[in-house]
Amino acid sequence: MPKLNPFPVLPKIALHELGSRISQARRVREMTQTDLARAADLGLSTVVDLEAGKPGVSLGSLAKVMETLGLLGQLDEVFDPHKDPRFTEQAIRKLPKRARG
């Protein structure tokens, strides 16, 4: 029987926290999970899984929920190069020496 690799702990925690924030955003808009599922054109089980932080929910479903909640603009912040220390380090390394200081 093949050995299954468990889902890594830190990503699991991050997804759980994301799910909690989605739930909070929904509730502050006074929506039920059913309301959100209908408005986002998703199945109720998808919304339930997303709020539970299950890793199998598609990015497309996440984007639809974010749009429905009026938060799609926050998706642009994911992997924003201005918030990536490695991106900044590499940009500085590539500056001509006379422009560094």
N, C-alpha and C. Protein backbone atom coordinates (compact mmCIF):
# COMPACT_ATOMS: atom_id res chain seq x y z
N MET A 1 0.84 -1.18 0.00
CA MET A 1 0.00 0.00 0.00
C MET A 1 0.89 1.25 0.00
N PRO A 2 0.64 2.20 -0.93
CA PRO A 2 1.51 3.38 -1.00
C PRO A 2 1.34 4.27 0.24
N LYS A 3 2.45 4.84 0.66
CA LYS A 3 2.45 5.72 1.82
C LYS A 3 1.95 7.11 1.40
N LEU A 4 0.97 7.62 2.10
CA LEU A 4 0.44 8.94 1.81
C LEU A 4 1.20 9.99 2.61
N ASN A 5 1.57 11.07 1.94
CA ASN A 5 2.24 12.16 2.63
C ASN A 5 1.18 13.06 3.26
N PRO A 6 1.28 13.29 4.56
CA PRO A 6 0.29 14.17 5.20
C PRO A 6 0.48 15.61 4.71
N PHE A 7 -0.61 16.38 4.76
CA PHE A 7 -0.53 17.79 4.38
C PHE A 7 0.35 18.49 5.41
N PRO A 8 1.30 19.32 4.98
CA PRO A 8 2.22 19.98 5.93
C PRO A 8 1.49 20.84 6.96
N VAL A 9 2.02 20.87 8.15
CA VAL A 9 1.38 21.53 9.29
C VAL A 9 1.22 23.04 9.08
N LEU A 10 2.28 23.73 8.69
CA LEU A 10 2.19 25.19 8.58
C LEU A 10 1.20 25.64 7.50
N PRO A 11 1.21 25.04 6.30
CA PRO A 11 0.17 25.40 5.34
C PRO A 11 -1.24 25.06 5.84
N LYS A 12 -1.36 23.98 6.58
CA LYS A 12 -2.66 23.59 7.14
C LYS A 12 -3.16 24.66 8.10
N ILE A 13 -2.29 25.16 8.94
CA ILE A 13 -2.65 26.22 9.89
C ILE A 13 -3.04 27.49 9.13
N ALA A 14 -2.25 27.84 8.11
CA ALA A 14 -2.53 29.05 7.33
C ALA A 14 -3.89 28.95 6.64
N LEU A 15 -4.21 27.79 6.09
CA LEU A 15 -5.51 27.61 5.43
C LEU A 15 -6.66 27.67 6.43
N HIS A 16 -6.43 27.12 7.62
CA HIS A 16 -7.46 27.20 8.67
C HIS A 16 -7.71 28.65 9.06
N GLU A 17 -6.65 29.43 9.20
CA GLU A 17 -6.79 30.84 9.55
C GLU A 17 -7.48 31.62 8.43
N LEU A 18 -7.14 31.30 7.18
CA LEU A 18 -7.80 31.94 6.04
C LEU A 18 -9.29 31.62 6.06
N GLY A 19 -9.62 30.37 6.30
CA GLY A 19 -11.02 29.97 6.39
C GLY A 19 -11.77 30.72 7.46
N SER A 20 -11.13 30.92 8.59
CA SER A 20 -11.76 31.68 9.69
C SER A 20 -12.01 33.13 9.27
N ARG A 21 -11.07 33.72 8.55
CA ARG A 21 -11.24 35.10 8.09
C ARG A 21 -12.36 35.20 7.05
N ILE A 22 -12.46 34.20 6.19
CA ILE A 22 -13.56 34.18 5.22
C ILE A 22 -14.89 34.10 5.95
N SER A 23 -14.96 33.23 6.94
CA SER A 23 -16.18 33.10 7.73
C SER A 23 -16.54 34.43 8.40
N GLN A 24 -15.57 35.09 8.98
CA GLN A 24 -15.81 36.39 9.63
C GLN A 24 -16.31 37.42 8.62
N ALA A 25 -15.69 37.46 7.44
CA ALA A 25 -16.10 38.42 6.41
C ALA A 25 -17.54 38.15 5.97
N ARG A 26 -17.89 36.89 5.86
CA ARG A 26 -19.26 36.51 5.48
C ARG A 26 -20.24 36.93 6.56
N ARG A 27 -19.91 36.62 7.81
CA ARG A 27 -20.83 36.90 8.91
C ARG A 27 -21.02 38.39 9.15
N VAL A 28 -19.96 39.17 8.97
CA VAL A 28 -20.08 40.61 9.16
C VAL A 28 -20.98 41.23 8.08
N ARG A 29 -21.13 40.53 6.97
CA ARG A 29 -22.05 40.96 5.92
C ARG A 29 -23.44 40.35 6.10
N GLU A 30 -23.62 39.70 7.23
CA GLU A 30 -24.89 39.06 7.59
C GLU A 30 -25.37 38.09 6.53
N MET A 31 -24.43 37.28 6.06
CA MET A 31 -24.74 36.24 5.08
C MET A 31 -24.58 34.88 5.74
N THR A 32 -25.43 33.95 5.35
CA THR A 32 -25.24 32.56 5.75
C THR A 32 -24.30 31.91 4.74
N GLN A 33 -23.84 30.72 5.06
CA GLN A 33 -23.03 29.98 4.10
C GLN A 33 -23.83 29.70 2.83
N THR A 34 -25.10 29.43 3.00
CA THR A 34 -25.97 29.19 1.85
C THR A 34 -26.09 30.44 0.99
N ASP A 35 -26.25 31.60 1.63
CA ASP A 35 -26.32 32.87 0.89
C ASP A 35 -25.05 33.07 0.06
N LEU A 36 -23.90 32.85 0.70
CA LEU A 36 -22.63 33.05 0.02
C LEU A 36 -22.48 32.07 -1.14
N ALA A 37 -22.83 30.82 -0.90
CA ALA A 37 -22.72 29.81 -1.96
C ALA A 37 -23.57 30.20 -3.17
N ARG A 38 -24.79 30.61 -2.92
CA ARG A 38 -25.67 31.02 -4.03
C ARG A 38 -25.12 32.24 -4.76
N ALA A 39 -24.72 33.25 -4.00
CA ALA A 39 -24.23 34.49 -4.60
C ALA A 39 -22.95 34.27 -5.40
N ALA A 40 -22.11 33.34 -4.95
CA ALA A 40 -20.85 33.06 -5.63
C ALA A 40 -21.00 31.97 -6.69
N ASP A 41 -22.21 31.43 -6.84
CA ASP A 41 -22.48 30.35 -7.78
C ASP A 41 -21.60 29.13 -7.50
N LEU A 42 -21.58 28.75 -6.22
CA LEU A 42 -20.80 27.59 -5.76
C LEU A 42 -21.73 26.67 -4.97
N GLY A 43 -21.29 25.45 -4.80
CA GLY A 43 -22.02 24.54 -3.94
C GLY A 43 -21.78 24.88 -2.48
N LEU A 44 -22.77 24.59 -1.65
CA LEU A 44 -22.64 24.85 -0.22
C LEU A 44 -21.43 24.12 0.36
N SER A 45 -21.18 22.90 -0.10
CA SER A 45 -20.04 22.13 0.44
C SER A 45 -18.71 22.82 0.13
N THR A 46 -18.64 23.54 -0.98
CA THR A 46 -17.40 24.27 -1.32
C THR A 46 -17.17 25.39 -0.32
N VAL A 47 -18.22 26.14 0.01
CA VAL A 47 -18.09 27.23 0.98
C VAL A 47 -17.74 26.66 2.35
N VAL A 48 -18.39 25.58 2.75
CA VAL A 48 -18.10 24.94 4.03
C VAL A 48 -16.64 24.50 4.07
N ASP A 49 -16.17 23.85 3.01
CA ASP A 49 -14.78 23.39 2.95
C ASP A 49 -13.80 24.56 2.97
N LEU A 50 -14.13 25.63 2.26
CA LEU A 50 -13.25 26.81 2.23
C LEU A 50 -13.13 27.41 3.63
N GLU A 51 -14.25 27.55 4.31
CA GLU A 51 -14.22 28.12 5.66
C GLU A 51 -13.56 27.19 6.66
N ALA A 52 -13.54 25.90 6.37
CA ALA A 52 -12.87 24.93 7.25
C ALA A 52 -11.37 24.85 6.96
N GLY A 53 -10.93 25.52 5.89
CA GLY A 53 -9.51 25.51 5.55
C GLY A 53 -9.07 24.24 4.87
N LYS A 54 -9.97 23.56 4.20
CA LYS A 54 -9.61 22.32 3.51
C LYS A 54 -8.74 22.65 2.29
N PRO A 55 -7.65 21.93 2.09
CA PRO A 55 -6.71 22.27 1.03
C PRO A 55 -7.18 21.95 -0.39
N GLY A 56 -8.25 21.20 -0.56
CA GLY A 56 -8.67 20.81 -1.90
C GLY A 56 -9.55 21.82 -2.63
N VAL A 57 -9.89 22.93 -1.99
CA VAL A 57 -10.76 23.93 -2.62
C VAL A 57 -9.94 24.68 -3.68
N SER A 58 -10.54 24.88 -4.85
CA SER A 58 -9.81 25.51 -5.96
C SER A 58 -9.60 27.00 -5.74
N LEU A 59 -8.55 27.51 -6.38
CA LEU A 59 -8.31 28.95 -6.34
C LEU A 59 -9.45 29.71 -7.02
N GLY A 60 -10.05 29.10 -8.02
CA GLY A 60 -11.18 29.72 -8.69
C GLY A 60 -12.34 29.94 -7.74
N SER A 61 -12.59 28.95 -6.89
CA SER A 61 -13.66 29.09 -5.90
C SER A 61 -13.33 30.18 -4.89
N LEU A 62 -12.09 30.23 -4.47
CA LEU A 62 -11.66 31.29 -3.55
C LEU A 62 -11.87 32.65 -4.18
N ALA A 63 -11.49 32.80 -5.45
CA ALA A 63 -11.65 34.08 -6.15
C ALA A 63 -13.13 34.47 -6.26
N LYS A 64 -13.98 33.49 -6.52
CA LYS A 64 -15.42 33.79 -6.61
C LYS A 64 -15.97 34.26 -5.27
N VAL A 65 -15.54 33.63 -4.19
CA VAL A 65 -15.98 34.04 -2.85
C VAL A 65 -15.46 35.44 -2.54
N MET A 66 -14.21 35.70 -2.86
CA MET A 66 -13.64 37.02 -2.60
C MET A 66 -14.38 38.10 -3.38
N GLU A 67 -14.71 37.81 -4.63
CA GLU A 67 -15.46 38.77 -5.43
C GLU A 67 -16.84 39.02 -4.82
N THR A 68 -17.50 37.96 -4.43
CA THR A 68 -18.84 38.08 -3.84
C THR A 68 -18.81 38.92 -2.57
N LEU A 69 -17.75 38.78 -1.79
CA LEU A 69 -17.62 39.53 -0.54
C LEU A 69 -17.06 40.94 -0.76
N GLY A 70 -16.76 41.29 -2.01
CA GLY A 70 -16.21 42.60 -2.31
C GLY A 70 -14.75 42.74 -1.94
N LEU A 71 -14.04 41.61 -1.89
CA LEU A 71 -12.65 41.61 -1.44
C LEU A 71 -11.67 41.11 -2.50
N LEU A 72 -12.10 41.04 -3.75
CA LEU A 72 -11.25 40.49 -4.79
C LEU A 72 -9.95 41.27 -4.95
N GLY A 73 -9.98 42.56 -4.69
CA GLY A 73 -8.77 43.38 -4.79
C GLY A 73 -7.65 42.90 -3.88
N GLN A 74 -8.01 42.24 -2.78
CA GLN A 74 -6.98 41.73 -1.87
C GLN A 74 -6.18 40.58 -2.47
N LEU A 75 -6.73 39.95 -3.51
CA LEU A 75 -6.01 38.86 -4.16
C LEU A 75 -4.73 39.38 -4.81
N ASP A 76 -4.74 40.65 -5.22
CA ASP A 76 -3.55 41.26 -5.82
C ASP A 76 -2.38 41.34 -4.83
N GLU A 77 -2.67 41.27 -3.55
CA GLU A 77 -1.62 41.36 -2.54
C GLU A 77 -0.86 40.06 -2.36
N VAL A 78 -1.43 38.96 -2.86
CA VAL A 78 -0.75 37.67 -2.75
C VAL A 78 0.44 37.67 -3.70
N PHE A 79 1.59 37.38 -3.21
CA PHE A 79 2.84 37.36 -3.97
C PHE A 79 3.19 38.73 -4.54
N ASP A 80 2.77 39.79 -3.86
CA ASP A 80 3.14 41.14 -4.28
C ASP A 80 4.66 41.27 -4.16
N PRO A 81 5.36 41.55 -5.26
CA PRO A 81 6.82 41.62 -5.19
C PRO A 81 7.33 42.69 -4.23
N HIS A 82 6.53 43.72 -3.98
CA HIS A 82 6.96 44.76 -3.05
C HIS A 82 6.96 44.29 -1.60
N LYS A 83 6.30 43.16 -1.33
CA LYS A 83 6.26 42.61 0.01
C LYS A 83 7.14 41.37 0.15
N ASP A 84 7.91 41.08 -0.90
CA ASP A 84 8.76 39.89 -0.92
C ASP A 84 10.21 40.32 -0.69
N PRO A 85 10.78 39.99 0.50
CA PRO A 85 12.15 40.42 0.80
C PRO A 85 13.16 39.89 -0.21
N ARG A 86 12.96 38.70 -0.75
CA ARG A 86 13.87 38.14 -1.74
C ARG A 86 13.88 38.97 -3.02
N PHE A 87 12.70 39.44 -3.42
CA PHE A 87 12.59 40.26 -4.61
C PHE A 87 13.41 41.54 -4.42
N THR A 88 13.27 42.16 -3.26
CA THR A 88 14.00 43.40 -2.96
C THR A 88 15.50 43.15 -2.94
N GLU A 89 15.92 42.07 -2.30
CA GLU A 89 17.35 41.74 -2.23
C GLU A 89 17.93 41.56 -3.63
N GLN A 90 17.21 40.85 -4.48
CA GLN A 90 17.71 40.61 -5.83
C GLN A 90 17.76 41.91 -6.63
N ALA A 91 16.76 42.75 -6.47
CA ALA A 91 16.75 44.02 -7.18
C ALA A 91 17.94 44.88 -6.77
N ILE A 92 18.26 44.88 -5.48
CA ILE A 92 19.41 45.66 -4.99
C ILE A 92 20.71 45.09 -5.54
N ARG A 93 20.83 43.76 -5.55
CA ARG A 93 22.06 43.13 -6.09
C ARG A 93 22.26 43.46 -7.56
N LYS A 94 21.21 43.67 -8.30
CA LYS A 94 21.32 43.92 -9.74
C LYS A 94 21.55 45.40 -10.08
N LEU A 95 21.47 46.26 -9.06
CA LEU A 95 21.75 47.68 -9.31
C LEU A 95 23.20 47.84 -9.72
N PRO A 96 23.47 48.76 -10.63
CA PRO A 96 24.88 49.07 -10.96
C PRO A 96 25.59 49.54 -9.69
N LYS A 97 26.87 49.21 -9.55
CA LYS A 97 27.62 49.56 -8.33
C LYS A 97 27.60 51.04 -8.04
N ARG A 98 27.65 51.87 -9.04
CA ARG A 98 27.68 53.33 -8.78
C ARG A 98 26.33 53.84 -8.27
N ALA A 99 25.26 53.10 -8.49
CA ALA A 99 23.95 53.55 -8.04
C ALA A 99 23.59 53.03 -6.66
N ARG A 100 24.42 52.15 -6.10
CA ARG A 100 24.10 51.54 -4.79
C ARG A 100 24.32 52.48 -3.63
N GLY A 101 25.12 53.41 -3.72
CA GLY A 101 25.34 54.20 -2.53
C GLY A 101 26.27 55.28 -2.81
